[in-house]
N, C-alpha and C. Protein backbone atom coordinates (compact mmCIF):
# COMPACT_ATOMS: atom_id res chain seq x y z
N MET A 1 69.59 15.04 71.89
CA MET A 1 68.89 14.27 71.09
C MET A 1 67.78 13.77 71.91
N ASN A 2 68.29 12.73 73.14
CA ASN A 2 67.37 11.97 74.17
C ASN A 2 66.58 13.05 75.18
N GLY A 3 66.75 14.15 75.34
CA GLY A 3 66.58 15.11 76.24
C GLY A 3 65.20 15.52 75.53
N THR A 4 65.60 16.26 74.01
CA THR A 4 64.19 16.57 73.40
C THR A 4 63.17 15.62 73.28
N VAL A 5 63.47 14.47 72.91
CA VAL A 5 62.60 13.04 72.91
C VAL A 5 61.49 12.91 74.43
N ASN A 6 62.38 13.12 75.13
CA ASN A 6 61.78 12.99 76.79
C ASN A 6 61.14 13.82 76.95
N ASP A 7 61.73 15.21 76.56
CA ASP A 7 60.61 16.63 76.61
C ASP A 7 59.30 16.53 75.88
N VAL A 8 59.66 15.75 74.70
CA VAL A 8 57.96 15.81 73.77
C VAL A 8 57.47 14.72 74.34
N ARG A 9 57.84 13.89 74.97
CA ARG A 9 57.07 12.25 75.50
C ARG A 9 56.38 12.05 76.57
N GLN A 10 56.21 13.22 77.51
CA GLN A 10 55.45 13.34 78.56
C GLN A 10 54.40 14.09 78.29
N PRO A 11 54.65 15.54 77.40
CA PRO A 11 52.92 16.00 77.06
C PRO A 11 52.06 15.04 76.14
N ILE A 12 52.87 14.06 75.25
CA ILE A 12 52.23 13.30 74.37
C ILE A 12 51.37 12.12 75.42
N ALA A 13 51.89 11.73 76.58
CA ALA A 13 51.18 10.97 77.80
C ALA A 13 50.29 11.71 78.08
N ASP A 14 50.42 12.82 78.81
CA ASP A 14 49.12 13.57 78.98
C ASP A 14 47.93 13.56 78.37
N LEU A 15 48.49 14.03 76.90
CA LEU A 15 47.40 13.85 75.95
C LEU A 15 46.55 12.70 75.60
N GLN A 16 47.34 11.75 75.72
CA GLN A 16 46.79 10.28 76.02
C GLN A 16 45.74 9.86 76.86
N ALA A 17 46.06 10.38 78.14
CA ALA A 17 45.41 10.31 79.35
C ALA A 17 44.15 11.15 79.16
N ALA A 18 44.31 12.48 78.66
CA ALA A 18 43.09 13.27 78.67
C ALA A 18 42.24 12.70 77.68
N LEU A 19 42.86 11.96 76.30
CA LEU A 19 41.55 11.52 75.42
C LEU A 19 40.78 10.41 76.09
N LEU A 20 41.58 9.43 76.96
CA LEU A 20 41.02 8.30 77.41
C LEU A 20 39.42 8.81 78.26
N GLN A 21 40.39 10.02 79.06
CA GLN A 21 38.90 10.42 80.16
C GLN A 21 38.01 11.11 79.51
N ALA A 22 38.33 11.82 77.90
CA ALA A 22 37.07 12.09 77.69
C ALA A 22 36.22 11.13 76.59
N ARG A 23 37.20 10.13 76.33
CA ARG A 23 36.22 8.94 75.64
C ARG A 23 35.12 8.21 76.94
N GLN A 24 35.67 8.25 77.71
CA GLN A 24 35.01 7.38 78.85
C GLN A 24 33.56 8.45 79.38
N LEU A 25 34.18 9.84 79.41
CA LEU A 25 32.90 10.72 79.48
C LEU A 25 32.08 10.68 78.49
N LEU A 26 32.39 10.56 77.54
CA LEU A 26 31.45 10.04 76.04
C LEU A 26 30.69 9.08 76.42
N ALA A 27 31.18 7.87 76.87
CA ALA A 27 30.30 6.75 77.04
C ALA A 27 29.25 6.73 78.39
N ASP A 28 29.78 7.55 79.36
CA ASP A 28 28.94 7.70 80.41
C ASP A 28 27.44 8.44 80.10
N MET A 29 27.98 9.50 79.26
CA MET A 29 26.81 10.67 78.78
C MET A 29 25.71 9.77 77.89
N GLN A 30 26.28 8.74 77.24
CA GLN A 30 25.92 7.89 76.11
C GLN A 30 24.58 7.16 76.90
N VAL A 31 25.16 6.93 77.97
CA VAL A 31 24.48 5.46 78.97
C VAL A 31 23.55 6.41 79.64
N MET A 32 23.95 7.37 79.95
CA MET A 32 22.70 8.17 80.81
C MET A 32 21.45 9.18 79.89
N VAL A 33 21.92 9.25 78.50
CA VAL A 33 20.81 9.87 77.59
C VAL A 33 19.70 8.58 77.34
N ARG A 34 20.58 7.56 77.03
CA ARG A 34 19.74 6.51 76.71
C ARG A 34 18.95 6.03 77.61
N ALA A 35 19.42 5.89 79.07
CA ALA A 35 18.67 5.89 80.37
C ALA A 35 17.32 6.72 80.51
N ASN A 36 17.53 7.86 80.03
CA ASN A 36 16.55 8.86 80.34
C ASN A 36 15.85 9.21 79.17
N ASP A 37 15.84 8.22 77.83
CA ASP A 37 15.09 8.28 76.78
C ASP A 37 13.65 8.57 76.67
N TYR A 38 13.14 7.66 77.68
CA TYR A 38 11.41 7.89 78.03
C TYR A 38 11.08 9.18 78.78
N LYS A 39 11.89 9.76 79.65
CA LYS A 39 11.60 11.08 80.31
C LYS A 39 11.70 11.75 79.15
N ILE A 40 12.21 12.07 78.22
CA ILE A 40 12.25 12.92 77.10
C ILE A 40 11.02 12.79 76.02
N ASP A 41 10.80 11.74 75.78
CA ASP A 41 9.24 11.56 75.04
C ASP A 41 8.15 11.93 76.37
N ASP A 42 8.43 12.15 77.27
CA ASP A 42 7.40 12.32 78.56
C ASP A 42 7.40 13.81 78.34
N THR A 43 8.38 14.55 78.40
CA THR A 43 8.64 16.32 78.29
C THR A 43 7.85 16.67 77.04
N ILE A 44 7.90 16.09 75.74
CA ILE A 44 7.73 16.16 74.64
C ILE A 44 5.89 16.59 74.73
N GLU A 45 5.43 15.35 75.26
CA GLU A 45 4.22 15.02 75.22
C GLU A 45 3.53 16.12 75.95
N ASN A 46 4.17 16.37 77.20
CA ASN A 46 3.69 17.46 78.31
C ASN A 46 3.62 18.74 77.32
N LEU A 47 4.65 19.25 76.75
CA LEU A 47 4.74 20.02 76.39
C LEU A 47 3.76 20.52 75.04
N ARG A 48 3.36 19.52 74.33
CA ARG A 48 2.14 19.36 73.76
C ARG A 48 0.97 19.92 74.29
N THR A 49 1.15 19.27 75.09
CA THR A 49 -0.50 19.48 76.01
C THR A 49 -0.53 20.68 76.94
N ALA A 50 0.50 21.18 77.14
CA ALA A 50 0.57 22.66 77.30
C ALA A 50 0.04 23.49 76.88
N THR A 51 0.85 23.12 75.48
CA THR A 51 0.65 24.03 74.38
C THR A 51 -0.92 24.00 73.88
N GLU A 52 -1.51 22.99 73.82
CA GLU A 52 -3.31 22.89 73.45
C GLU A 52 -3.76 23.60 74.51
N ASN A 53 -3.43 23.56 75.76
CA ASN A 53 -4.42 24.13 76.78
C ASN A 53 -4.23 25.67 76.54
N LEU A 54 -2.92 26.17 76.44
CA LEU A 54 -2.86 27.58 75.85
C LEU A 54 -3.52 28.26 75.06
N ASP A 55 -3.39 27.34 73.89
CA ASP A 55 -4.44 27.69 72.64
C ASP A 55 -6.16 27.83 72.86
N GLN A 56 -6.43 26.79 73.88
CA GLN A 56 -7.62 26.64 74.40
C GLN A 56 -8.16 28.38 75.61
N LEU A 57 -7.09 28.61 76.27
CA LEU A 57 -7.09 29.95 77.06
C LEU A 57 -7.12 30.76 76.12
N THR A 58 -6.00 30.96 75.34
CA THR A 58 -6.32 32.23 74.60
C THR A 58 -7.42 32.22 73.60
N GLU A 59 -8.28 31.17 72.94
CA GLU A 59 -9.09 31.60 72.21
C GLU A 59 -10.59 31.74 73.43
N SER A 60 -10.81 30.98 74.60
CA SER A 60 -11.59 31.54 75.06
C SER A 60 -11.45 33.12 75.79
N VAL A 61 -10.29 33.61 75.83
CA VAL A 61 -10.24 34.95 76.60
C VAL A 61 -10.52 36.01 75.22
N LYS A 62 -10.48 35.48 74.23
CA LYS A 62 -10.52 36.24 72.71
C LYS A 62 -12.03 36.47 72.71
N GLN A 63 -12.70 35.40 73.03
CA GLN A 63 -14.47 35.43 73.05
C GLN A 63 -15.10 35.99 74.09
N HIS A 64 -13.99 35.70 75.44
CA HIS A 64 -15.04 36.27 76.81
C HIS A 64 -13.90 36.94 77.47
N PRO A 65 -13.40 38.22 77.16
CA PRO A 65 -12.33 38.41 77.75
C PRO A 65 -12.76 39.08 79.21
N TRP A 66 -13.97 39.40 79.61
CA TRP A 66 -14.57 39.54 80.72
C TRP A 66 -14.20 38.60 82.00
N SER A 67 -13.91 37.23 81.25
CA SER A 67 -13.71 36.42 82.31
C SER A 67 -12.68 36.13 83.14
N LEU A 68 -11.57 37.05 82.52
CA LEU A 68 -10.34 37.18 83.50
C LEU A 68 -10.62 38.02 84.56
N ILE A 69 -11.58 39.09 84.95
CA ILE A 69 -11.90 39.73 86.02
C ILE A 69 -13.17 39.18 86.52
N ARG A 70 -14.24 38.63 86.05
CA ARG A 70 -15.25 38.55 86.56
C ARG A 70 -15.85 36.63 86.21
N ILE A 71 -16.41 36.63 87.41
CA ILE A 71 -16.89 35.10 87.15
C ILE A 71 -18.08 34.75 86.28
N ARG A 72 -19.40 35.93 85.92
CA ARG A 72 -20.40 35.98 85.38
C ARG A 72 -20.16 36.84 84.29
N GLN A 73 -20.80 36.63 83.11
CA GLN A 73 -20.73 37.82 82.11
C GLN A 73 -21.45 38.88 82.92
N PRO A 74 -21.06 40.23 82.24
CA PRO A 74 -22.12 41.32 83.07
C PRO A 74 -23.35 41.16 82.12
N GLN A 75 -24.28 41.98 82.57
CA GLN A 75 -25.43 41.96 82.11
C GLN A 75 -25.47 43.29 81.07
N ASP A 76 -26.41 43.12 80.21
CA ASP A 76 -26.50 44.16 79.33
C ASP A 76 -26.84 45.45 79.94
N ARG A 77 -26.22 46.43 79.01
CA ARG A 77 -26.27 47.94 79.83
C ARG A 77 -28.03 48.30 79.20
N LYS A 78 -28.64 49.32 80.42
CA LYS A 78 -29.90 49.38 79.60
C LYS A 78 -29.60 51.08 79.39
N LEU A 79 -30.27 51.04 78.18
CA LEU A 79 -29.97 52.33 77.56
C LEU A 79 -31.25 53.35 78.32
N PRO A 80 -30.93 54.57 78.23
CA PRO A 80 -31.68 55.61 78.54
C PRO A 80 -32.97 55.95 77.90
N LYS A 81 -33.67 56.47 78.13
CA LYS A 81 -34.99 56.67 77.08
C LYS A 81 -34.98 58.26 77.18
């Protein structure tokens, strides 16, 4: 009986050590996330600004597609008489 109890006791001790390490890791991760919270806000704001800029570029290209390859608008073509 003592042998069986001793055989079970060691894996339980290993499991407790693993749980303690997992708790410490989670605590460290929470500290890191809290420390970088302001960076997340900056990233979201930058993404919003980039999205607005892309929307403006899309509208500009829809209105003036020639602007992708030419600096100035091409002149109107003259019709033959």
